[in-house]
C-alpha cells in the first residue's frame, strides 16, 4: 500500500505552508535543505505541525486543495486538534526509527 500525506509546516516567519507527499520525512528534509517548495526556500527552517495519511495520491491532493482554501484560523484549529490528540507529532516522523 502506498503512503500519501497532506501536511502543514510552520515556516520560520510564522506562516503556514500546505502540501502533499508520498514520503513525509524526505519532504520535510527537502524543505529544510532549500530543495522543497519555492515558498519555503526562503522561510527555513520549517517545522511539521500537521499531517493526514491517505491511501491514494488523489485523496491527498484533494485534501491539500481543501486545506489551502481554509482561513489561517481554521488551519490553526486543525493543528491544535492534532496536538491535543497526539501531544507530539515529531515522534511519528522521527527519522531514527
Protein backbone atom coordinates (compact mmCIF):
# COMPACT_ATOMS: atom_id res chain seq x y z
CA UNK A 1 0.00 0.00 0.00
CA UNK A 2 1.29 3.44 -0.92
CA UNK A 3 1.61 6.13 1.70
CA UNK A 4 0.35 9.58 0.80
CA UNK A 5 0.18 12.54 3.10
CA UNK A 6 -1.24 16.03 3.24
CA UNK A 7 0.79 18.16 5.61
CA UNK A 8 1.20 21.64 7.05
CA UNK A 9 4.54 23.11 8.07
CA UNK A 10 5.13 26.26 10.06
CA UNK A 11 7.85 28.37 8.46
CA UNK A 12 10.45 30.36 10.39
CA UNK A 13 8.47 33.57 9.72
CA UNK A 14 5.35 32.02 11.27
CA UNK A 15 3.49 31.43 8.02
CA UNK A 16 1.90 28.08 7.21
CA UNK A 17 2.57 26.05 4.08
CA UNK A 18 0.38 23.14 2.99
CA UNK A 19 1.48 20.39 0.62
CA UNK A 20 1.21 16.70 -0.14
CA UNK A 21 3.83 13.97 -0.48
CA UNK A 22 4.33 10.22 -0.56
CA UNK A 23 7.37 10.41 1.77
CA UNK A 24 6.82 12.77 4.68
CA UNK A 25 10.28 12.53 6.25
CA UNK A 26 12.02 13.10 2.93
CA UNK A 27 9.76 16.04 2.06
CA UNK A 28 10.40 17.84 5.36
CA UNK A 29 14.15 17.32 4.87
CA UNK A 30 13.82 18.73 1.34
CA UNK A 31 12.00 21.81 2.62
CA UNK A 32 14.70 22.39 5.25
CA UNK A 33 17.55 21.93 2.78
CA UNK A 34 16.08 24.51 0.41
CA UNK A 35 15.04 21.91 -2.17
CA UNK A 36 11.33 21.83 -1.27
CA UNK A 37 8.79 24.35 -2.45
CA UNK A 38 9.84 27.78 -3.69
CA UNK A 39 7.70 29.32 -0.92
CA UNK A 40 9.57 27.56 1.90
CA UNK A 41 13.03 28.02 0.41
CA UNK A 42 13.44 31.49 1.93
CA UNK A 43 11.43 30.72 5.07
CA UNK A 44 13.56 27.98 6.62
CA UNK A 45 13.64 26.15 8.85
CA UNK A 46 10.17 24.65 8.67
CA UNK A 47 8.52 22.54 11.34
CA UNK A 48 5.96 19.84 10.64
CA UNK A 49 2.84 20.80 12.60
CA UNK A 50 0.08 18.72 10.97
CA UNK A 51 -0.40 15.76 8.66
CA UNK A 52 -3.04 13.31 7.46
CA UNK A 53 -2.46 9.91 5.87
CA UNK A 54 -4.31 8.76 2.71
CA UNK A 55 -4.43 5.58 0.67
CA UNK A 56 -4.17 7.38 -2.69
CA UNK A 57 -2.34 10.33 -4.15
CA UNK A 58 -5.63 11.76 -5.40
CA UNK A 59 -7.12 11.81 -1.90
CA UNK A 60 -4.03 13.56 -0.51
CA UNK A 61 -4.06 16.13 -3.33
CA UNK A 62 -7.77 16.78 -2.84
CA UNK A 63 -7.30 17.31 0.89
CA UNK A 64 -4.36 19.65 0.18
CA UNK A 65 -6.61 21.74 -2.04
CA UNK A 66 -9.33 21.89 0.61
CA UNK A 67 -6.92 22.86 3.39
CA UNK A 68 -5.45 25.60 1.19
CA UNK A 69 -8.96 27.08 0.91
CA UNK A 70 -9.24 27.41 4.71
CA UNK A 71 -8.55 30.61 6.59
CA UNK A 72 -5.47 30.65 8.80
CA UNK A 73 -7.57 30.32 11.97
CA UNK A 74 -9.20 27.18 10.56
CA UNK A 75 -5.80 25.71 9.72
CA UNK A 76 -4.61 26.53 13.23
CA UNK A 77 -7.65 24.71 14.63
CA UNK A 78 -6.61 21.56 12.70
CA UNK A 79 -3.08 21.89 14.12
CA UNK A 80 -4.38 22.44 17.65
CA UNK A 81 -6.66 19.39 17.41
CA UNK A 82 -3.79 17.18 16.24
CA UNK A 83 -1.55 18.45 19.02
CA UNK A 84 -4.29 17.81 21.57
CA UNK A 85 -4.80 14.25 20.37
CA UNK A 86 -1.19 13.25 19.68
CA UNK A 87 0.79 15.51 22.04
CA UNK A 88 3.81 15.37 19.72
CA UNK A 89 3.82 14.57 16.01
CA UNK A 90 7.62 14.62 15.92
CA UNK A 91 7.75 11.08 17.32
CA UNK A 92 5.68 9.85 14.38
CA UNK A 93 8.09 11.27 11.81
CA UNK A 94 11.36 10.69 13.66
CA UNK A 95 13.94 9.65 11.04
CA UNK A 96 15.82 7.49 13.57
CA UNK A 97 13.02 4.90 13.56
